[in-house]
PDB file of N, CA and C in Angstrom:
ATOM      1  N   MET A   1      56.054 179.882 112.504  1.00  0.00           N
ATOM      2  CA  MET A   1      55.948 180.155 111.134  1.00  0.00           C
ATOM      3  C   MET A   1      56.342 181.794 111.313  1.00  0.00           C
ATOM      4  N   ASN A   2      57.313 181.863 110.243  1.00  0.00           N
ATOM      5  CA  ASN A   2      58.064 183.314 110.495  1.00  0.00           C
ATOM      6  C   ASN A   2      56.929 184.237 109.766  1.00  0.00           C
ATOM      7  N   ARG A   3      57.083 185.450 109.759  1.00  0.00           N
ATOM      8  CA  ARG A   3      56.264 186.533 109.278  1.00  0.00           C
ATOM      9  C   ARG A   3      56.444 186.552 107.763  1.00  0.00           C
ATOM     10  N   THR A   4      57.413 186.310 106.962  1.00  0.00           N
ATOM     11  CA  THR A   4      57.431 186.253 105.710  1.00  0.00           C
ATOM     12  C   THR A   4      56.908 184.960 105.001  1.00  0.00           C
ATOM     13  N   ALA A   5      56.994 183.836 105.639  1.00  0.00           N
ATOM     14  CA  ALA A   5      56.254 182.804 105.072  1.00  0.00           C
ATOM     15  C   ALA A   5      54.731 183.006 105.400  1.00  0.00           C
ATOM     16  N   PHE A   6      54.168 183.690 106.426  1.00  0.00           N
ATOM     17  CA  PHE A   6      52.926 183.942 106.680  1.00  0.00           C
ATOM     18  C   PHE A   6      52.258 184.974 105.581  1.00  0.00           C
ATOM     19  N   SER A   7      53.125 185.849 105.373  1.00  0.00           N
ATOM     20  CA  SER A   7      52.653 186.918 104.386  1.00  0.00           C
ATOM     21  C   SER A   7      52.375 186.228 102.959  1.00  0.00           C
ATOM     22  N   ARG A   8      53.429 185.180 102.500  1.00  0.00           N
ATOM     23  CA  ARG A   8      53.426 184.248 101.401  1.00  0.00           C
ATOM     24  C   ARG A   8      52.088 183.489 101.427  1.00  0.00           C
ATOM     25  N   PHE A   9      51.772 182.832 102.378  1.00  0.00           N
ATOM     26  CA  PHE A   9      50.804 182.048 102.401  1.00  0.00           C
ATOM     27  C   PHE A   9      49.348 182.944 102.278  1.00  0.00           C
ATOM     28  N   LEU A  10      49.179 184.216 103.013  1.00  0.00           N
ATOM     29  CA  LEU A  10      48.044 184.875 102.800  1.00  0.00           C
ATOM     30  C   LEU A  10      47.964 185.343 101.423  1.00  0.00           C
ATOM     31  N   ALA A  11      49.086 185.788 100.755  1.00  0.00           N
ATOM     32  CA  ALA A  11      48.898 186.020  99.343  1.00  0.00           C
ATOM     33  C   ALA A  11      48.411 185.018  98.454  1.00  0.00           C
ATOM     34  N   LEU A  12      48.984 183.943  98.567  1.00  0.00           N
ATOM     35  CA  LEU A  12      48.620 182.708  97.917  1.00  0.00           C
ATOM     36  C   LEU A  12      47.171 182.423  98.081  1.00  0.00           C
ATOM     37  N   SER A  13      46.768 182.469  99.392  1.00  0.00           N
ATOM     38  CA  SER A  13      45.439 182.172  99.356  1.00  0.00           C
ATOM     39  C   SER A  13      44.346 183.189  98.884  1.00  0.00           C
ATOM     40  N   ARG A  14      44.837 184.555  98.895  1.00  0.00           N
ATOM     41  CA  ARG A  14      44.120 185.637  98.176  1.00  0.00           C
ATOM     42  C   ARG A  14      43.891 185.219  96.708  1.00  0.00           C
ATOM     43  N   PHE A  15      45.147 184.620  96.263  1.00  0.00           N
ATOM     44  CA  PHE A  15      45.151 184.317  94.696  1.00  0.00           C
ATOM     45  C   PHE A  15      44.378 183.360  94.563  1.00  0.00           C
ATOM     46  N   ALA A  16      44.366 182.233  95.100  1.00  0.00           N
ATOM     47  CA  ALA A  16      43.398 181.157  94.978  1.00  0.00           C
ATOM     48  C   ALA A  16      41.986 181.746  95.041  1.00  0.00           C
ATOM     49  N   GLN A  17      41.372 182.429  96.180  1.00  0.00           N
ATOM     50  CA  GLN A  17      40.276 182.560  96.246  1.00  0.00           C
ATOM     51  C   GLN A  17      39.731 183.709  94.877  1.00  0.00           C
ATOM     52  N   LYS A  18      40.406 184.524  94.325  1.00  0.00           N
ATOM     53  CA  LYS A  18      40.465 185.176  93.094  1.00  0.00           C
ATOM     54  C   LYS A  18      40.129 184.275  91.869  1.00  0.00           C
ATOM     55  N   ARG A  19      41.136 183.278  91.951  1.00  0.00           N
ATOM     56  CA  ARG A  19      40.995 182.664  90.732  1.00  0.00           C
ATOM     57  C   ARG A  19      39.811 181.420  90.717  1.00  0.00           C
ATOM     58  N   HIS A  20      39.519 180.945  91.914  1.00  0.00           N
ATOM     59  CA  HIS A  20      38.757 179.818  91.763  1.00  0.00           C
ATOM     60  C   HIS A  20      37.346 180.114  92.427  1.00  0.00           C
ATOM     61  N   GLY A  21      36.243 180.444  91.503  1.00  0.00           N
ATOM     62  CA  GLY A  21      34.875 180.641  92.068  1.00  0.00           C
ATOM     63  C   GLY A  21      34.252 181.907  92.285  1.00  0.00           C
ATOM     64  N   HIS A  22      35.227 182.896  92.570  1.00  0.00           N
ATOM     65  CA  HIS A  22      34.522 184.241  92.703  1.00  0.00           C
ATOM     66  C   HIS A  22      34.148 185.166  91.546  1.00  0.00           C
ATOM     67  N   GLY A  23      34.702 184.540  90.288  1.00  0.00           N
ATOM     68  CA  GLY A  23      34.379 185.190  89.120  1.00  0.00           C
ATOM     69  C   GLY A  23      33.555 184.670  88.142  1.00  0.00           C
ATOM     70  N   HIS A  24      32.588 183.794  88.405  1.00  0.00           N
ATOM     71  CA  HIS A  24      31.845 183.194  87.575  1.00  0.00           C
ATOM     72  C   HIS A  24      30.598 184.037  87.323  1.00  0.00           C
ATOM     73  N   HIS A  25      29.920 183.760  86.107  1.00  0.00           N
ATOM     74  CA  HIS A  25      28.838 184.491  85.657  1.00  0.00           C
ATOM     75  C   HIS A  25      27.625 183.702  85.957  1.00  0.00           C
ATOM     76  N   VAL A  26      26.386 184.199  86.055  1.00  0.00           N
ATOM     77  CA  VAL A  26      25.212 183.613  86.102  1.00  0.00           C
ATOM     78  C   VAL A  26      24.513 183.196  84.815  1.00  0.00           C
ATOM     79  N   ALA A  27      24.379 182.212  84.387  1.00  0.00           N
ATOM     80  CA  ALA A  27      23.548 182.154  82.972  1.00  0.00           C
ATOM     81  C   ALA A  27      22.260 182.348  83.026  1.00  0.00           C
ATOM     82  N   ASN A  28      21.620 182.893  81.839  1.00  0.00           N
ATOM     83  CA  ASN A  28      19.998 183.469  81.879  1.00  0.00           C
ATOM     84  C   ASN A  28      19.461 182.304  81.814  1.00  0.00           C
ATOM     85  N   PRO A  29      18.459 181.772  82.837  1.00  0.00           N
ATOM     86  CA  PRO A  29      17.891 180.700  82.623  1.00  0.00           C
ATOM     87  C   PRO A  29      16.787 180.704  81.679  1.00  0.00           C
ATOM     88  N   GLY A  30      16.246 181.957  81.222  1.00  0.00           N
ATOM     89  CA  GLY A  30      15.284 181.885  80.161  1.00  0.00           C
ATOM     90  C   GLY A  30      14.215 182.556  80.675  1.00  0.00           C
ATOM     91  N   PRO A  31      13.045 182.724  79.920  1.00  0.00           N
ATOM     92  CA  PRO A  31      11.971 183.255  80.536  1.00  0.00           C
ATOM     93  C   PRO A  31      11.090 182.559  81.459  1.00  0.00           C
ATOM     94  N   PRO A  32      10.515 183.343  82.467  1.00  0.00           N
ATOM     95  CA  PRO A  32       9.693 182.792  83.664  1.00  0.00           C
ATOM     96  C   PRO A  32       8.701 181.790  83.412  1.00  0.00           C
ATOM     97  N   CYS A  33       8.638 181.108  83.993  1.00  0.00           N
ATOM     98  CA  CYS A  33       7.586 179.703  83.917  1.00  0.00           C
ATOM     99  C   CYS A  33       6.155 180.463  84.511  1.00  0.00           C
ATOM    100  N   THR A  34       4.950 180.378  83.624  1.00  0.00           N
ATOM    101  CA  THR A  34       3.912 180.785  84.112  1.00  0.00           C
ATOM    102  C   THR A  34       2.748 179.652  84.037  1.00  0.00           C
ATOM    103  N   PHE A  35       1.611 179.731  84.423  1.00  0.00           N
ATOM    104  CA  PHE A  35       0.570 178.859  84.507  1.00  0.00           C
ATOM    105  C   PHE A  35       0.295 178.465  83.083  1.00  0.00           C
ATOM    106  N   ASP A  36       0.512 179.538  82.031  1.00  0.00           N
ATOM    107  CA  ASP A  36      -0.219 179.309  80.580  1.00  0.00           C
ATOM    108  C   ASP A  36       0.632 178.236  80.132  1.00  0.00           C
ATOM    109  N   MET A  37       1.887 177.795  80.529  1.00  0.00           N
ATOM    110  CA  MET A  37       2.823 176.486  80.083  1.00  0.00           C
ATOM    111  C   MET A  37       2.486 175.291  80.451  1.00  0.00           C
ATOM    112  N   MET A  38       1.457 175.283  81.766  1.00  0.00           N
ATOM    113  CA  MET A  38       1.131 174.049  82.291  1.00  0.00           C
ATOM    114  C   MET A  38       0.052 173.370  81.116  1.00  0.00           C
ATOM    115  N   THR A  39       0.113 172.074  81.427  1.00  0.00           N
ATOM    116  CA  THR A  39      -0.657 171.022  80.354  1.00  0.00           C
ATOM    117  C   THR A  39      -2.315 171.339  81.013  1.00  0.00           C
ATOM    118  N   VAL A  40      -3.031 171.054  80.162  1.00  0.00           N
ATOM    119  CA  VAL A  40      -4.668 171.019  80.444  1.00  0.00           C
ATOM    120  C   VAL A  40      -5.013 169.603  80.780  1.00  0.00           C
ATOM    121  N   PRO A  41      -5.539 169.156  81.969  1.00  0.00           N
ATOM    122  CA  PRO A  41      -6.103 167.783  81.853  1.00  0.00           C
ATOM    123  C   PRO A  41      -7.313 167.626  81.090  1.00  0.00           C
ATOM    124  N   TYR A  42      -6.994 166.196  80.450  1.00  0.00           N
ATOM    125  CA  TYR A  42      -8.113 165.764  79.591  1.00  0.00           C
ATOM    126  C   TYR A  42      -8.853 164.487  79.965  1.00  0.00           C
ATOM    127  N   GLN A  43      -8.467 163.985  81.069  1.00  0.00           N
ATOM    128  CA  GLN A  43      -9.217 162.864  81.525  1.00  0.00           C
ATOM    129  C   GLN A  43      -9.712 163.125  83.057  1.00  0.00           C
ATOM    130  N   PRO A  44     -10.685 162.296  83.610  1.00  0.00           N
ATOM    131  CA  PRO A  44     -11.063 162.747  84.833  1.00  0.00           C
ATOM    132  C   PRO A  44     -10.006 162.145  85.921  1.00  0.00           C
ATOM    133  N   TYR A  45      -9.906 162.753  87.026  1.00  0.00           N
ATOM    134  CA  TYR A  45      -8.881 162.758  88.153  1.00  0.00           C
ATOM    135  C   TYR A  45      -8.979 161.364  88.633  1.00  0.00           C
ATOM    136  N   LYS A  46     -10.321 160.919  88.835  1.00  0.00           N
ATOM    137  CA  LYS A  46     -10.576 159.528  89.439  1.00  0.00           C
ATOM    138  C   LYS A  46     -10.058 158.340  88.424  1.00  0.00           C
ATOM    139  N   LYS A  47     -10.221 158.406  87.225  1.00  0.00           N
ATOM    140  CA  LYS A  47      -9.605 157.631  86.393  1.00  0.00           C
ATOM    141  C   LYS A  47      -8.017 157.432  86.466  1.00  0.00           C
ATOM    142  N   VAL A  48      -7.329 158.798  86.446  1.00  0.00           N
ATOM    143  CA  VAL A  48      -6.045 158.748  86.262  1.00  0.00           C
ATOM    144  C   VAL A  48      -5.466 158.420  87.377  1.00  0.00           C
ATOM    145  N   TYR A  49      -5.990 158.525  88.679  1.00  0.00           N
ATOM    146  CA  TYR A  49      -5.565 158.276  89.883  1.00  0.00           C
ATOM    147  C   TYR A  49      -5.558 156.831  90.143  1.00  0.00           C
ATOM    148  N   GLY A  50      -6.633 156.007  89.808  1.00  0.00           N
ATOM    149  CA  GLY A  50      -6.774 154.772  89.803  1.00  0.00           C
ATOM    150  C   GLY A  50      -5.773 153.990  89.100  1.00  0.00           C
ATOM    151  N   GLU A  51      -5.409 154.475  87.975  1.00  0.00           N
ATOM    152  CA  GLU A  51      -4.350 153.657  87.070  1.00  0.00           C
ATOM    153  C   GLU A  51      -3.171 153.808  87.490  1.00  0.00           C
ATOM    154  N   LEU A  52      -2.813 155.155  88.120  1.00  0.00           N
ATOM    155  CA  LEU A  52      -1.355 155.429  88.794  1.00  0.00           C
ATOM    156  C   LEU A  52      -1.214 154.510  90.080  1.00  0.00           C
ATOM    157  N   GLN A  53      -2.123 154.330  90.975  1.00  0.00           N
ATOM    158  CA  GLN A  53      -2.607 153.693  92.417  1.00  0.00           C
ATOM    159  C   GLN A  53      -2.196 152.246  91.625  1.00  0.00           C
ATOM    160  N   GLY A  54      -3.000 151.758  90.868  1.00  0.00           N
ATOM    161  CA  GLY A  54      -2.530 150.339  90.403  1.00  0.00           C
ATOM    162  C   GLY A  54      -1.169 149.992  90.128  1.00  0.00           C
ATOM    163  N   LYS A  55      -0.681 151.184  89.316  1.00  0.00           N
ATOM    164  CA  LYS A  55       1.091 150.663  88.832  1.00  0.00           C
ATOM    165  C   LYS A  55       1.764 151.002  90.029  1.00  0.00           C
ATOM    166  N   PHE A  56       1.447 151.885  90.682  1.00  0.00           N
ATOM    167  CA  PHE A  56       2.498 152.032  92.218  1.00  0.00           C
ATOM    168  C   PHE A  56       2.226 150.840  92.876  1.00  0.00           C
ATOM    169  N   ASN A  57       1.215 150.242  93.057  1.00  0.00           N
ATOM    170  CA  ASN A  57       1.068 149.114  94.124  1.00  0.00           C
ATOM    171  C   ASN A  57       1.649 147.868  93.476  1.00  0.00           C
ATOM    172  N   THR A  58       1.637 147.704  92.215  1.00  0.00           N
ATOM    173  CA  THR A  58       2.585 146.526  91.729  1.00  0.00           C
ATOM    174  C   THR A  58       4.018 146.809  92.108  1.00  0.00           C
ATOM    175  N   TYR A  59       4.285 147.980  91.897  1.00  0.00           N
ATOM    176  CA  TYR A  59       5.750 148.366  91.983  1.00  0.00           C
ATOM    177  C   TYR A  59       6.280 147.967  93.587  1.00  0.00           C
ATOM    178  N   LEU A  60       5.455 148.219  94.455  1.00  0.00           N
ATOM    179  CA  LEU A  60       5.390 148.206  95.708  1.00  0.00           C
ATOM    180  C   LEU A  60       5.455 146.617  96.028  1.00  0.00           C
ATOM    181  N   ALA A  61       4.584 146.053  95.521  1.00  0.00           N
ATOM    182  CA  ALA A  61       4.508 144.464  95.937  1.00  0.00           C
ATOM    183  C   ALA A  61       5.895 143.663  95.232  1.00  0.00           C
ATOM    184  N   VAL A  62       6.109 144.024  94.021  1.00  0.00           N
ATOM    185  CA  VAL A  62       7.258 143.554  93.320  1.00  0.00           C
ATOM    186  C   VAL A  62       8.604 143.802  94.026  1.00  0.00           C
ATOM    187  N   SER A  63       8.584 145.111  94.413  1.00  0.00           N
ATOM    188  CA  SER A  63       9.869 145.487  95.308  1.00  0.00           C
ATOM    189  C   SER A  63       9.968 144.677  96.724  1.00  0.00           C
ATOM    190  N   SER A  64       8.669 144.760  97.241  1.00  0.00           N
ATOM    191  CA  SER A  64       8.906 144.017  98.272  1.00  0.00           C
ATOM    192  C   SER A  64       9.104 142.438  98.438  1.00  0.00           C
ATOM    193  N   VAL A  65       8.712 141.977  97.427  1.00  0.00           N
ATOM    194  CA  VAL A  65       8.927 140.545  97.163  1.00  0.00           C
ATOM    195  C   VAL A  65      10.594 140.281  97.041  1.00  0.00           C
ATOM    196  N   ILE A  66      11.276 141.145  96.060  1.00  0.00           N
ATOM    197  CA  ILE A  66      12.667 140.977  95.757  1.00  0.00           C
ATOM    198  C   ILE A  66      13.429 141.611  97.334  1.00  0.00           C
ATOM    199  N   PHE A  67      12.886 142.529  97.909  1.00  0.00           N
ATOM    200  CA  PHE A  67      13.561 142.733  99.178  1.00  0.00           C
ATOM    201  C   PHE A  67      13.598 141.483 100.152  1.00  0.00           C
ATOM    202  N   ILE A  68      12.370 140.984 100.267  1.00  0.00           N
ATOM    203  CA  ILE A  68      12.397 140.012 101.138  1.00  0.00           C
ATOM    204  C   ILE A  68      12.845 138.554 100.722  1.00  0.00           C
ATOM    205  N   SER A  69      12.959 138.381  99.536  1.00  0.00           N
ATOM    206  CA  SER A  69      13.999 137.422  98.778  1.00  0.00           C
ATOM    207  C   SER A  69      15.373 137.467  99.121  1.00  0.00           C
ATOM    208  N   SER A  70      15.739 138.808  98.810  1.00  0.00           N
ATOM    209  CA  SER A  70      17.217 139.185  99.023  1.00  0.00           C
ATOM    210  C   SER A  70      17.671 138.809 100.340  1.00  0.00           C
ATOM    211  N   PHE A  71      16.983 139.340 101.316  1.00  0.00           N
ATOM    212  CA  PHE A  71      17.227 139.198 102.842  1.00  0.00           C
ATOM    213  C   PHE A  71      17.398 137.853 103.228  1.00  0.00           C
ATOM    214  N   ALA A  72      16.154 136.951 102.936  1.00  0.00           N
ATOM    215  CA  ALA A  72      16.491 135.752 103.078  1.00  0.00           C
ATOM    216  C   ALA A  72      17.580 134.975 102.639  1.00  0.00           C
ATOM    217  N   THR A  73      17.838 135.464 101.592  1.00  0.00           N
ATOM    218  CA  THR A  73      19.074 134.681 100.979  1.00  0.00           C
ATOM    219  C   THR A  73      20.397 135.159 101.711  1.00  0.00           C
ATOM    220  N   ALA A  74      20.267 136.616 102.101  1.00  0.00           N
ATOM    221  CA  ALA A  74      21.577 136.905 102.779  1.00  0.00           C
ATOM    222  C   ALA A  74      21.864 136.179 104.160  1.00  0.00           C
ATOM    223  N   LEU A  75      20.495 135.879 104.654  1.00  0.00           N
ATOM    224  CA  LEU A  75      20.373 135.262 106.049  1.00  0.00           C
ATOM    225  C   LEU A  75      20.947 133.789 105.930  1.00  0.00           C
ATOM    226  N   TYR A  76      20.470 133.039 104.866  1.00  0.00           N
ATOM    227  CA  TYR A  76      20.618 131.787 104.746  1.00  0.00           C
ATOM    228  C   TYR A  76      22.341 131.546 104.294  1.00  0.00           C
ATOM    229  N   THR A  77      22.906 132.475 103.658  1.00  0.00           N
ATOM    230  CA  THR A  77      24.253 132.213 103.200  1.00  0.00           C
ATOM    231  C   THR A  77      25.041 132.997 104.323  1.00  0.00           C
ATOM    232  N   ASN A  78      24.456 133.415 105.609  1.00  0.00           N
ATOM    233  CA  ASN A  78      25.142 133.940 106.650  1.00  0.00           C
ATOM    234  C   ASN A  78      26.072 135.300 106.289  1.00  0.00           C
ATOM    235  N   LEU A  79      25.476 136.113 105.553  1.00  0.00           N
ATOM    236  CA  LEU A  79      26.325 137.251 104.915  1.00  0.00           C
ATOM    237  C   LEU A  79      26.723 138.209 106.029  1.00  0.00           C
ATOM    238  N   PHE A  80      25.808 138.243 107.151  1.00  0.00           N
ATOM    239  CA  PHE A  80      25.638 139.192 108.363  1.00  0.00           C
ATOM    240  C   PHE A  80      26.638 138.749 109.262  1.00  0.00           C
ATOM    241  N   ALA A  81      27.131 137.379 109.218  1.00  0.00           N
ATOM    242  CA  ALA A  81      27.875 136.655 110.360  1.00  0.00           C
ATOM    243  C   ALA A  81      27.642 136.739 111.721  1.00  0.00           C
ATOM    244  N   VAL A  82      26.575 136.806 112.007  1.00  0.00           N
ATOM    245  CA  VAL A  82      25.705 136.716 113.141  1.00  0.00           C
ATOM    246  C   VAL A  82      26.602 135.901 114.245  1.00  0.00           C
ATOM    247  N   GLU A  83      27.067 134.904 114.072  1.00  0.00           N
ATOM    248  CA  GLU A  83      27.829 134.075 115.025  1.00  0.00           C
ATOM    249  C   GLU A  83      29.113 135.017 115.200  1.00  0.00           C
ATOM    250  N   ALA A  84      29.720 135.512 114.521  1.00  0.00           N
ATOM    251  CA  ALA A  84      30.956 136.289 114.439  1.00  0.00           C
ATOM    252  C   ALA A  84      30.795 137.502 115.415  1.00  0.00           C
ATOM    253  N   ILE A  85      29.419 138.056 115.485  1.00  0.00           N
ATOM    254  CA  ILE A  85      29.191 139.111 116.080  1.00  0.00           C
ATOM    255  C   ILE A  85      28.877 139.011 117.727  1.00  0.00           C
ATOM    256  N   ARG A  86      28.155 137.886 117.885  1.00  0.00           N
ATOM    257  CA  ARG A  86      27.740 137.593 119.187  1.00  0.00           C
ATOM    258  C   ARG A  86      29.060 137.346 120.280  1.00  0.00           C
ATOM    259  N   PRO A  87      28.786 137.592 121.351  1.00  0.00           N
ATOM    260  CA  PRO A  87      29.994 137.219 122.494  1.00  0.00           C
ATOM    261  C   PRO A  87      30.105 135.679 122.477  1.00  0.00           C
ATOM    262  N   PRO A  88      31.372 135.296 122.839  1.00  0.00           N
ATOM    263  CA  PRO A  88      31.669 133.817 122.937  1.00  0.00           C
ATOM    264  C   PRO A  88      30.762 133.103 123.773  1.00  0.00           C
ATOM    265  N   GLN A  89      30.538 131.911 123.576  1.00  0.00           N
ATOM    266  CA  GLN A  89      29.528 131.097 124.315  1.00  0.00           C
ATOM    267  C   GLN A  89      30.329 130.272 124.990  1.00  0.00           C
ATOM    268  N   SER A  90      29.678 129.666 126.060  1.00  0.00           N
ATOM    269  CA  SER A  90      30.374 128.687 126.753  1.00  0.00           C
ATOM    270  C   SER A  90      31.056 127.352 126.147  1.00  0.00           C
ATOM    271  N   TYR A  91      32.041 126.899 126.257  1.00  0.00           N
ATOM    272  CA  TYR A  91      32.396 125.653 125.523  1.00  0.00           C
ATOM    273  C   TYR A  91      31.418 124.603 125.504  1.00  0.00           C
ATOM    274  N   ARG A  92      30.624 124.378 126.417  1.00  0.00           N
ATOM    275  CA  ARG A  92      29.499 123.144 126.781  1.00  0.00           C
ATOM    276  C   ARG A  92      28.426 123.564 125.719  1.00  0.00           C
ATOM    277  N   ASN A  93      28.140 124.846 125.348  1.00  0.00           N
ATOM    278  CA  ASN A  93      27.066 125.242 124.473  1.00  0.00           C
ATOM    279  C   ASN A  93      27.367 125.202 123.019  1.00  0.00           C
ATOM    280  N   ARG A  94      28.653 125.142 122.715  1.00  0.00           N
ATOM    281  CA  ARG A  94      29.152 125.198 121.182  1.00  0.00           C
ATOM    282  C   ARG A  94      28.876 123.902 120.454  1.00  0.00           C
ATOM    283  N   GLN A  95      28.584 123.937 119.374  1.00  0.00           N
ATOM    284  CA  GLN A  95      28.447 122.611 118.475  1.00  0.00           C
ATOM    285  C   GLN A  95      29.459 122.316 117.756  1.00  0.00           C
TER     286      GLN A  95
END
């Protein structure tokens, strides 16, 4: 690369740096958050915890059933092509 081409490359790269991304302005995010803006709990902790745990355990059970059924379907339809991945067997052992 000769000197003039290299100087053009440097000039263009400096122009690109000035043009893209170095002149942005930070938007004002607004007033800072304080504890005064937080909600006040109006139900006992144990009651809310029990309700949420029941809901999350239901989600866990349903998602586990869906995962197991989809994995079983993938194995049944030979989606993973296990026989193609294995090394070749002896001719006598093939079916």
